N, C-alpha and C. Protein backbone atom coordinates (compact mmCIF):
# COMPACT_ATOMS: atom_id res chain seq x y z
N UNK A 1 -8.24 16.53 -45.11
CA UNK A 1 -8.38 16.28 -43.68
C UNK A 1 -9.81 15.88 -43.33
N UNK A 2 -10.79 16.60 -43.89
CA UNK A 2 -12.18 16.28 -43.60
C UNK A 2 -12.55 14.90 -44.14
N UNK A 3 -11.97 14.53 -45.29
CA UNK A 3 -12.26 13.22 -45.86
C UNK A 3 -11.72 12.11 -44.96
N UNK A 4 -10.53 12.34 -44.39
CA UNK A 4 -9.95 11.34 -43.49
C UNK A 4 -10.80 11.18 -42.23
N UNK A 5 -11.30 12.30 -41.70
CA UNK A 5 -12.15 12.26 -40.50
C UNK A 5 -13.44 11.51 -40.80
N UNK A 6 -14.04 11.76 -41.96
CA UNK A 6 -15.27 11.07 -42.35
C UNK A 6 -15.02 9.58 -42.50
N UNK A 7 -13.86 9.21 -43.08
CA UNK A 7 -13.52 7.81 -43.24
C UNK A 7 -13.35 7.14 -41.87
N UNK A 8 -12.67 7.83 -40.95
CA UNK A 8 -12.48 7.28 -39.60
C UNK A 8 -13.82 7.08 -38.91
N UNK A 9 -14.75 8.03 -39.07
CA UNK A 9 -16.08 7.90 -38.47
C UNK A 9 -16.82 6.70 -39.04
N UNK A 10 -16.74 6.51 -40.37
CA UNK A 10 -17.40 5.37 -40.99
C UNK A 10 -16.82 4.06 -40.50
N UNK A 11 -15.49 4.00 -40.36
CA UNK A 11 -14.86 2.78 -39.88
C UNK A 11 -15.29 2.48 -38.45
N UNK A 12 -15.35 3.51 -37.62
CA UNK A 12 -15.75 3.32 -36.23
C UNK A 12 -17.20 2.87 -36.15
N UNK A 13 -18.08 3.48 -36.96
CA UNK A 13 -19.49 3.13 -36.91
C UNK A 13 -19.75 1.71 -37.38
N UNK A 14 -18.90 1.19 -38.29
CA UNK A 14 -19.13 -0.14 -38.82
C UNK A 14 -18.63 -1.24 -37.87
N UNK A 15 -17.89 -0.85 -36.85
CA UNK A 15 -17.38 -1.83 -35.88
C UNK A 15 -18.38 -2.01 -34.74
N UNK A 16 -18.41 -3.21 -34.23
CA UNK A 16 -19.29 -3.47 -33.09
C UNK A 16 -18.65 -2.93 -31.82
N UNK A 17 -19.44 -2.81 -30.80
CA UNK A 17 -18.94 -2.37 -29.51
C UNK A 17 -17.84 -3.30 -29.02
N UNK A 18 -18.04 -4.59 -29.20
CA UNK A 18 -17.04 -5.55 -28.75
C UNK A 18 -15.72 -5.36 -29.49
N UNK A 19 -15.79 -5.08 -30.79
CA UNK A 19 -14.58 -4.85 -31.56
C UNK A 19 -13.85 -3.60 -31.07
N UNK A 20 -14.61 -2.55 -30.80
CA UNK A 20 -13.99 -1.32 -30.31
C UNK A 20 -13.34 -1.54 -28.95
N UNK A 21 -14.01 -2.27 -28.06
CA UNK A 21 -13.44 -2.54 -26.74
C UNK A 21 -12.20 -3.42 -26.83
N UNK A 22 -12.22 -4.38 -27.76
CA UNK A 22 -11.03 -5.22 -27.97
C UNK A 22 -9.86 -4.36 -28.46
N UNK A 23 -10.16 -3.44 -29.36
CA UNK A 23 -9.09 -2.57 -29.87
C UNK A 23 -8.54 -1.66 -28.76
N UNK A 24 -9.41 -1.18 -27.89
CA UNK A 24 -8.95 -0.38 -26.75
C UNK A 24 -8.03 -1.22 -25.87
N UNK A 25 -8.39 -2.48 -25.63
CA UNK A 25 -7.53 -3.37 -24.84
C UNK A 25 -6.16 -3.54 -25.49
N UNK A 26 -6.15 -3.69 -26.82
CA UNK A 26 -4.87 -3.82 -27.53
C UNK A 26 -4.03 -2.55 -27.39
N UNK A 27 -4.68 -1.41 -27.47
CA UNK A 27 -3.97 -0.14 -27.32
C UNK A 27 -3.36 -0.03 -25.93
N UNK A 28 -4.12 -0.41 -24.91
CA UNK A 28 -3.62 -0.35 -23.54
C UNK A 28 -2.40 -1.25 -23.38
N UNK A 29 -2.45 -2.43 -23.96
CA UNK A 29 -1.31 -3.34 -23.89
C UNK A 29 -0.07 -2.72 -24.54
N UNK A 30 -0.27 -2.09 -25.69
CA UNK A 30 0.85 -1.44 -26.38
C UNK A 30 1.40 -0.28 -25.55
N UNK A 31 0.51 0.47 -24.91
CA UNK A 31 0.94 1.62 -24.11
C UNK A 31 1.68 1.17 -22.85
N UNK A 32 1.43 -0.03 -22.40
CA UNK A 32 2.13 -0.57 -21.22
C UNK A 32 3.59 -0.90 -21.52
N UNK A 33 3.93 -0.99 -22.80
CA UNK A 33 5.31 -1.28 -23.20
C UNK A 33 6.19 -0.07 -22.90
N UNK A 34 7.22 -0.28 -22.10
CA UNK A 34 8.12 0.81 -21.71
C UNK A 34 8.96 1.33 -22.87
N UNK A 35 9.09 0.58 -23.93
CA UNK A 35 9.98 0.95 -25.03
C UNK A 35 9.28 1.69 -26.16
N UNK A 36 8.02 2.04 -26.00
CA UNK A 36 7.28 2.70 -27.07
C UNK A 36 7.71 4.17 -27.16
N UNK A 37 8.00 4.66 -28.37
CA UNK A 37 8.37 6.07 -28.52
C UNK A 37 7.21 6.98 -28.14
N UNK A 38 7.54 8.16 -27.65
CA UNK A 38 6.52 9.10 -27.17
C UNK A 38 5.50 9.44 -28.25
N UNK A 39 5.94 9.68 -29.46
CA UNK A 39 5.02 10.04 -30.54
C UNK A 39 4.05 8.90 -30.84
N UNK A 40 4.55 7.67 -30.82
CA UNK A 40 3.69 6.51 -31.03
C UNK A 40 2.70 6.36 -29.88
N UNK A 41 3.17 6.59 -28.68
CA UNK A 41 2.29 6.50 -27.51
C UNK A 41 1.17 7.53 -27.59
N UNK A 42 1.51 8.75 -28.01
CA UNK A 42 0.49 9.78 -28.13
C UNK A 42 -0.54 9.42 -29.20
N UNK A 43 -0.07 8.89 -30.33
CA UNK A 43 -0.99 8.49 -31.40
C UNK A 43 -1.93 7.39 -30.92
N UNK A 44 -1.38 6.42 -30.21
CA UNK A 44 -2.21 5.34 -29.68
C UNK A 44 -3.21 5.85 -28.65
N UNK A 45 -2.74 6.75 -27.79
CA UNK A 45 -3.62 7.34 -26.77
C UNK A 45 -4.78 8.08 -27.44
N UNK A 46 -4.47 8.87 -28.47
CA UNK A 46 -5.51 9.61 -29.19
C UNK A 46 -6.52 8.66 -29.81
N UNK A 47 -6.02 7.60 -30.40
CA UNK A 47 -6.90 6.60 -31.01
C UNK A 47 -7.79 5.95 -29.94
N UNK A 48 -7.21 5.66 -28.79
CA UNK A 48 -7.97 5.06 -27.70
C UNK A 48 -9.07 5.97 -27.18
N UNK A 49 -8.76 7.26 -27.08
CA UNK A 49 -9.77 8.23 -26.62
C UNK A 49 -10.94 8.28 -27.61
N UNK A 50 -10.63 8.31 -28.90
CA UNK A 50 -11.69 8.34 -29.91
C UNK A 50 -12.55 7.08 -29.84
N UNK A 51 -11.90 5.94 -29.68
CA UNK A 51 -12.65 4.69 -29.56
C UNK A 51 -13.51 4.67 -28.30
N UNK A 52 -12.98 5.20 -27.21
CA UNK A 52 -13.75 5.25 -25.96
C UNK A 52 -14.98 6.15 -26.13
N UNK A 53 -14.81 7.26 -26.82
CA UNK A 53 -15.95 8.16 -27.05
C UNK A 53 -17.02 7.49 -27.90
N UNK A 54 -16.59 6.82 -28.98
CA UNK A 54 -17.53 6.12 -29.84
C UNK A 54 -18.21 4.97 -29.10
N UNK A 55 -17.47 4.27 -28.27
CA UNK A 55 -18.05 3.19 -27.48
C UNK A 55 -19.12 3.73 -26.54
N UNK A 56 -18.82 4.86 -25.93
CA UNK A 56 -19.78 5.49 -25.02
C UNK A 56 -21.06 5.90 -25.76
N UNK A 57 -20.89 6.44 -26.96
CA UNK A 57 -22.06 6.83 -27.76
C UNK A 57 -22.89 5.61 -28.12
N UNK A 58 -22.23 4.52 -28.46
CA UNK A 58 -22.94 3.29 -28.80
C UNK A 58 -23.71 2.78 -27.59
N UNK A 59 -23.08 2.78 -26.45
CA UNK A 59 -23.75 2.33 -25.22
C UNK A 59 -24.95 3.23 -24.91
N UNK A 60 -24.80 4.53 -25.07
CA UNK A 60 -25.90 5.46 -24.83
C UNK A 60 -27.09 5.17 -25.76
N UNK A 61 -26.79 4.90 -27.04
CA UNK A 61 -27.87 4.60 -28.00
C UNK A 61 -28.60 3.33 -27.59
N UNK A 62 -27.85 2.32 -27.19
CA UNK A 62 -28.47 1.05 -26.80
C UNK A 62 -29.31 1.24 -25.53
N UNK A 63 -28.78 2.00 -24.58
CA UNK A 63 -29.54 2.26 -23.35
C UNK A 63 -30.86 2.96 -23.65
N UNK A 64 -30.83 3.91 -24.58
CA UNK A 64 -32.07 4.62 -24.96
C UNK A 64 -33.08 3.66 -25.58
N UNK A 65 -32.58 2.75 -26.44
CA UNK A 65 -33.47 1.78 -27.07
C UNK A 65 -34.07 0.84 -26.03
N UNK A 66 -33.26 0.40 -25.10
CA UNK A 66 -33.75 -0.49 -24.04
C UNK A 66 -34.78 0.23 -23.19
N UNK A 67 -34.49 1.46 -22.83
CA UNK A 67 -35.44 2.24 -22.01
C UNK A 67 -36.75 2.43 -22.75
N UNK A 68 -36.67 2.74 -24.05
CA UNK A 68 -37.88 2.92 -24.85
C UNK A 68 -38.66 1.62 -24.89
N UNK A 69 -37.98 0.52 -25.06
CA UNK A 69 -38.64 -0.78 -25.10
C UNK A 69 -39.33 -1.08 -23.77
N UNK A 70 -38.66 -0.76 -22.69
CA UNK A 70 -39.23 -1.02 -21.37
C UNK A 70 -40.40 -0.09 -21.09
N UNK A 71 -40.35 1.13 -21.61
CA UNK A 71 -41.42 2.11 -21.35
C UNK A 71 -42.69 1.80 -22.11
N UNK A 72 -42.56 1.48 -23.41
CA UNK A 72 -43.79 1.32 -24.19
C UNK A 72 -43.80 0.13 -25.14
N UNK A 73 -42.79 -0.68 -25.09
CA UNK A 73 -42.77 -1.87 -25.92
C UNK A 73 -42.36 -1.66 -27.36
N UNK A 74 -42.04 -0.43 -27.75
CA UNK A 74 -41.63 -0.20 -29.15
C UNK A 74 -40.11 -0.25 -29.25
N UNK A 75 -39.63 -0.44 -30.47
CA UNK A 75 -38.18 -0.50 -30.68
C UNK A 75 -37.77 0.51 -31.77
N UNK A 76 -38.44 1.64 -31.85
CA UNK A 76 -38.13 2.62 -32.89
C UNK A 76 -36.73 3.18 -32.68
N UNK A 77 -36.06 3.49 -33.80
CA UNK A 77 -34.71 4.05 -33.74
C UNK A 77 -34.78 5.52 -33.32
N UNK A 78 -33.69 5.98 -32.71
CA UNK A 78 -33.61 7.34 -32.22
C UNK A 78 -32.82 8.25 -33.13
N UNK A 79 -32.29 7.71 -34.22
CA UNK A 79 -31.44 8.51 -35.10
C UNK A 79 -32.21 9.22 -36.16
């Protein structure tokens, strides 16, 4: 189980923000289908929540870098 979670984190980190947002859009389209089984809908919803969280973290990191750049002109990483 831990190995699967680590793999999912690596896959999410290797995707760009745009890719994650596109995938969220695809999930929303699938969830709009009235014929989707409940279990499939829940799995898609869970995946969408994880992608939304990762997208938010990515946006937060970029905002910090931009703020740092605006404050002192440096672009040092925060990780």
